[in-house]
Amino acid sequence: MKPVLVLQHLSSDGPAFLASWLGARGVAFELRNAEAGDAFPDSIAPYSALAVLGGEMSANDPLPALRAGERLILDAMERSRPVIGHCLGGQLMARALGARVVASRAPEIGWQPIDIADSDMARAWFGDAPRQTVFQWHYEAFELPRGAERLAGSRACPNQAFAYGPHLAMQFHVEQDAEKLARWSTDDGERYLRALADHASVQTGDAMRRDGVSALSAQQCLADRLYRRWLGAVR
């Protein structure tokens, strides 16, 4: 099996549980970190699958790495190499497929519930539970591309996940692990503090850590399911 390509946009938003999951299964992967100066490859041809991570920037920002990521997403889809996108990564998938990324109805930060769609495709990805709790950190959200199937939503963000053939786009962070949660939950940036003051869909750092005691292990069980289905599409 060729290695998996993982696209990272910010050094603070690394692969975390995804890296652990791949490593535990002996799946080789190549990490390219744009903020660290890594160039994204021109082609997905040397790789078996593509994972795209998140980032604080808008998917609409005129950054060369974002457009390079979109080109790789389309290249992967055209070559039937399965793609999975986390938060910004899911937004880039939507943009690459012609959909818009716009301001979310409300920001979502911390552990938030999502409702799973009542469809065979949604159950194939997420299982039979009608609701899951996942870790969120976003101010914008994707619209559904033409030909995509909506898999999950929430009150603040109706489009939480979509499938496009074997590819999965998510608005949330299933790659979260304990180290990343501890680091992110100490954020005291101005944008976060404004969102915390104005929106019930934004948790305090204490609440993120408290809820993470049980929610993190449950989310990692979900991530295992999602990652297995994603890589199960490798030909």
Protein backbone atom coordinates (compact mmCIF):
# COMPACT_ATOMS: atom_id res chain seq x y z
CA MET A 1 0.00 0.00 0.00
CA LYS A 2 1.30 3.42 -0.91
CA PRO A 3 1.62 5.92 1.94
CA VAL A 4 -1.22 8.20 2.96
CA LEU A 5 -0.71 11.92 2.36
CA VAL A 6 -1.68 14.18 5.28
CA LEU A 7 -1.96 17.92 4.62
CA GLN A 8 -1.39 20.14 7.66
CA HIS A 9 -1.97 23.90 7.47
CA LEU A 10 -0.87 25.10 10.91
CA SER A 11 1.72 23.66 13.28
CA SER A 12 -0.80 23.90 16.13
CA ASP A 13 -3.31 21.72 14.26
CA GLY A 14 -1.50 18.44 13.67
CA PRO A 15 -2.82 14.94 12.97
CA ALA A 16 -2.95 13.87 16.65
CA PHE A 17 -5.19 10.77 16.93
CA LEU A 18 -5.08 10.24 13.16
CA ALA A 19 -1.30 9.82 13.33
CA SER A 20 -1.62 7.43 16.28
CA TRP A 21 -4.31 5.45 14.47
CA LEU A 22 -2.27 5.10 11.29
CA GLY A 23 0.86 4.21 13.22
CA ALA A 24 -0.90 1.52 15.28
CA ARG A 25 -1.95 -0.17 12.04
CA GLY A 26 1.41 0.09 10.36
CA VAL A 27 0.07 2.47 7.70
CA ALA A 28 2.84 4.70 6.39
CA PHE A 29 1.98 8.35 5.95
CA GLU A 30 3.70 11.50 4.75
CA LEU A 31 2.93 14.74 6.57
CA ARG A 32 3.26 18.07 4.78
CA ASN A 33 3.00 21.14 7.05
CA ALA A 34 2.44 24.37 5.10
CA GLU A 35 3.23 26.63 8.06
CA ALA A 36 6.57 24.85 8.50
CA GLY A 37 7.41 25.60 4.87
CA ASP A 38 6.59 22.20 3.37
CA ALA A 39 5.40 22.35 -0.21
CA PHE A 40 2.36 20.28 -1.04
CA PRO A 41 3.02 17.75 -3.82
CA ASP A 42 1.77 18.41 -7.32
CA SER A 43 0.05 15.04 -7.64
CA ILE A 44 -1.61 12.42 -5.45
CA ALA A 45 -0.21 9.67 -7.68
CA PRO A 46 2.46 8.45 -5.17
CA TYR A 47 -0.14 8.12 -2.38
CA SER A 48 -2.99 5.75 -1.56
CA ALA A 49 -5.29 8.24 0.19
CA LEU A 50 -5.53 11.86 1.32
CA ALA A 51 -6.34 13.38 4.72
CA VAL A 52 -6.73 17.14 5.07
CA LEU A 53 -6.48 18.75 8.51
CA GLY A 54 -7.89 21.97 9.94
CA GLY A 55 -6.62 25.49 10.55
CA GLU A 56 -7.66 28.87 11.92
CA MET A 57 -7.73 30.59 8.54
CA SER A 58 -10.82 30.85 6.37
CA ALA A 59 -11.05 28.36 3.53
CA ASN A 60 -11.71 31.42 1.35
CA ASP A 61 -8.42 33.16 2.20
CA PRO A 62 -6.14 33.69 -0.84
CA LEU A 63 -3.39 31.37 0.43
CA PRO A 64 -1.44 29.24 -2.08
CA ALA A 65 -1.47 26.20 0.21
CA LEU A 66 -5.28 26.22 0.36
CA ARG A 67 -5.60 26.25 -3.40
CA ALA A 68 -2.92 23.55 -3.68
CA GLY A 69 -4.92 21.47 -1.22
CA GLU A 70 -8.05 21.84 -3.33
CA ARG A 71 -6.17 20.71 -6.43
CA LEU A 72 -4.94 17.62 -4.59
CA ILE A 73 -8.46 16.88 -3.38
CA LEU A 74 -9.78 16.90 -6.95
CA ASP A 75 -6.78 14.90 -8.16
CA ALA A 76 -7.45 12.28 -5.48
CA MET A 77 -11.12 12.07 -6.36
CA GLU A 78 -10.38 11.73 -10.06
CA ARG A 79 -7.93 8.89 -9.31
CA SER A 80 -10.32 7.20 -6.82
CA ARG A 81 -8.00 7.80 -3.87
CA PRO A 82 -10.23 8.25 -0.78
CA VAL A 83 -10.24 11.70 0.83
CA ILE A 84 -11.16 12.67 4.38
CA GLY A 85 -11.37 16.28 5.55
CA HIS A 86 -11.35 17.59 9.12
CA CYS A 87 -12.99 21.02 9.69
CA LEU A 88 -11.05 23.32 7.33
CA GLY A 89 -10.21 20.17 5.37
CA GLY A 90 -13.90 19.43 4.91
CA GLN A 91 -14.50 23.03 3.86
CA LEU A 92 -11.75 22.74 1.24
CA MET A 93 -13.41 19.59 -0.07
CA ALA A 94 -16.68 21.49 -0.42
CA ARG A 95 -14.98 24.39 -2.20
CA ALA A 96 -13.11 22.05 -4.54
CA LEU A 97 -16.48 20.54 -5.50
CA GLY A 98 -18.01 23.95 -6.23
CA ALA A 99 -19.85 24.68 -2.96
CA ARG A 100 -19.49 27.79 -0.81
CA VAL A 101 -17.95 28.15 2.62
CA VAL A 102 -19.84 30.83 4.57
CA ALA A 103 -20.26 32.11 8.12
CA SER A 104 -21.82 29.51 10.37
CA ARG A 105 -25.18 30.38 11.96
CA ALA A 106 -23.23 30.40 15.20
CA PRO A 107 -19.68 29.38 16.04
CA GLU A 108 -19.28 25.97 17.64
CA ILE A 109 -16.37 25.44 20.01
CA GLY A 110 -15.93 22.49 22.33
CA TRP A 111 -17.97 19.30 22.73
CA GLN A 112 -21.22 19.63 20.82
CA PRO A 113 -23.93 17.17 19.73
CA ILE A 114 -24.61 16.41 16.09
CA ASP A 115 -27.68 14.65 14.71
CA ILE A 116 -27.00 11.82 12.29
CA ALA A 117 -29.17 11.72 9.18
CA ASP A 118 -31.70 8.92 8.83
CA SER A 119 -30.12 7.27 5.80
CA ASP A 120 -28.22 4.12 4.93
CA MET A 121 -25.16 6.14 3.96
CA ALA A 122 -25.12 8.04 7.25
CA ARG A 123 -25.45 4.81 9.22
CA ALA A 124 -22.67 3.22 7.18
CA TRP A 125 -20.31 5.99 8.25
CA PHE A 126 -21.56 6.85 11.75
CA GLY A 127 -23.36 3.75 12.99
CA ASP A 128 -26.89 3.41 14.30
CA ALA A 129 -26.87 6.06 17.06
CA PRO A 130 -29.02 9.04 16.02
CA ARG A 131 -26.75 11.51 17.83
CA GLN A 132 -23.00 11.78 18.47
CA THR A 133 -20.92 14.22 20.51
CA VAL A 134 -17.88 15.59 18.70
CA PHE A 135 -15.25 18.26 19.20
CA GLN A 136 -15.87 21.46 17.26
CA TRP A 137 -13.89 24.63 16.60
CA HIS A 138 -15.24 26.62 13.70
CA TYR A 139 -16.72 29.98 12.77
CA GLU A 140 -17.55 29.11 9.15
CA ALA A 141 -19.23 26.11 7.57
CA PHE A 142 -19.62 24.46 4.19
CA GLU A 143 -22.66 24.26 1.99
CA LEU A 144 -23.39 20.94 0.32
CA PRO A 145 -21.77 20.36 -3.06
CA ARG A 146 -23.91 19.07 -5.89
CA GLY A 147 -23.90 15.28 -5.82
CA ALA A 148 -22.94 15.07 -2.13
CA GLU A 149 -25.08 13.37 0.52
CA ARG A 150 -25.61 15.12 3.84
CA LEU A 151 -24.76 12.84 6.75
CA ALA A 152 -25.12 14.97 9.89
CA GLY A 153 -26.08 18.42 11.16
CA SER A 154 -26.67 20.54 14.24
CA ARG A 155 -28.78 23.55 15.18
CA ALA A 156 -25.88 25.96 14.68
CA CYS A 157 -24.54 24.20 11.59
CA PRO A 158 -26.97 22.18 9.44
CA ASN A 159 -24.19 20.61 7.37
CA GLN A 160 -21.81 18.80 9.71
CA ALA A 161 -20.69 16.05 7.35
CA PHE A 162 -21.20 14.90 3.79
CA ALA A 163 -20.20 11.94 1.68
CA TYR A 164 -19.17 12.31 -1.93
CA GLY A 165 -18.77 8.80 -3.24
CA PRO A 166 -16.16 7.19 -0.92
CA HIS A 167 -14.96 10.55 0.38
CA LEU A 168 -15.92 12.11 3.73
CA ALA A 169 -15.97 15.80 4.70
CA MET A 170 -16.49 16.76 8.35
CA GLN A 171 -16.97 20.13 10.05
CA PHE A 172 -15.56 18.77 13.33
CA HIS A 173 -12.29 17.42 14.73
CA VAL A 174 -12.35 13.65 15.20
CA GLU A 175 -8.54 13.74 15.18
CA GLN A 176 -8.57 15.34 18.64
CA ASP A 177 -6.45 13.64 21.31
CA ALA A 178 -5.71 14.42 24.96
CA GLU A 179 -2.65 16.57 24.22
CA LYS A 180 -4.42 18.63 21.59
CA LEU A 181 -7.48 19.05 23.80
CA ALA A 182 -5.36 20.25 26.73
CA ARG A 183 -3.58 22.78 24.51
CA TRP A 184 -6.61 24.10 22.65
CA SER A 185 -8.70 24.44 25.81
CA THR A 186 -6.33 27.12 27.14
CA ASP A 187 -7.07 29.48 24.23
CA ASP A 188 -7.54 33.07 25.41
CA GLY A 189 -7.57 34.77 22.02
CA GLU A 190 -9.86 37.74 21.45
CA ARG A 191 -11.99 36.02 18.81
CA TYR A 192 -12.64 33.03 21.04
CA LEU A 193 -13.45 35.20 24.08
CA ARG A 194 -15.98 37.23 22.04
CA ALA A 195 -17.61 34.03 20.81
CA LEU A 196 -17.71 32.64 24.35
CA ALA A 197 -19.49 35.75 25.60
CA ASP A 198 -22.03 35.80 22.77
CA HIS A 199 -22.93 32.17 21.99
CA ALA A 200 -24.19 29.22 24.00
CA SER A 201 -22.55 26.92 21.43
CA VAL A 202 -19.08 27.89 22.72
CA GLN A 203 -17.67 26.13 25.78
CA THR A 204 -15.21 27.36 28.37
CA GLY A 205 -11.86 25.64 28.57
CA ASP A 206 -12.86 24.06 31.88
CA ALA A 207 -15.99 22.61 30.26
CA MET A 208 -13.99 21.24 27.32
CA ARG A 209 -11.64 19.42 29.68
CA ARG A 210 -14.44 18.23 31.97
CA ASP A 211 -16.58 16.87 29.15
CA GLY A 212 -13.51 15.43 27.47
CA VAL A 213 -13.09 12.89 30.28
CA SER A 214 -15.84 10.80 28.70
CA ALA A 215 -16.37 12.42 25.30
CA LEU A 216 -12.81 12.01 24.03
CA SER A 217 -12.74 8.21 24.28
CA ALA A 218 -16.19 7.97 22.68
CA GLN A 219 -15.11 10.25 19.84
CA GLN A 220 -12.00 8.16 19.25
CA CYS A 221 -14.22 5.10 18.87
CA LEU A 222 -16.15 7.06 16.25
CA ALA A 223 -12.91 8.18 14.60
CA ASP A 224 -11.78 4.55 14.40
CA ARG A 225 -14.98 3.70 12.55
CA LEU A 226 -14.66 6.66 10.17
CA TYR A 227 -10.98 6.07 9.46
CA ARG A 228 -11.54 2.36 8.81
CA ARG A 229 -14.27 3.10 6.28
CA TRP A 230 -12.14 5.84 4.65
CA LEU A 231 -9.07 3.62 4.19
CA GLY A 232 -11.26 0.65 3.34
CA ALA A 233 -11.91 2.36 0.02
CA VAL A 234 -8.22 2.19 -0.98
CA ARG A 235 -7.87 0.11 -4.13
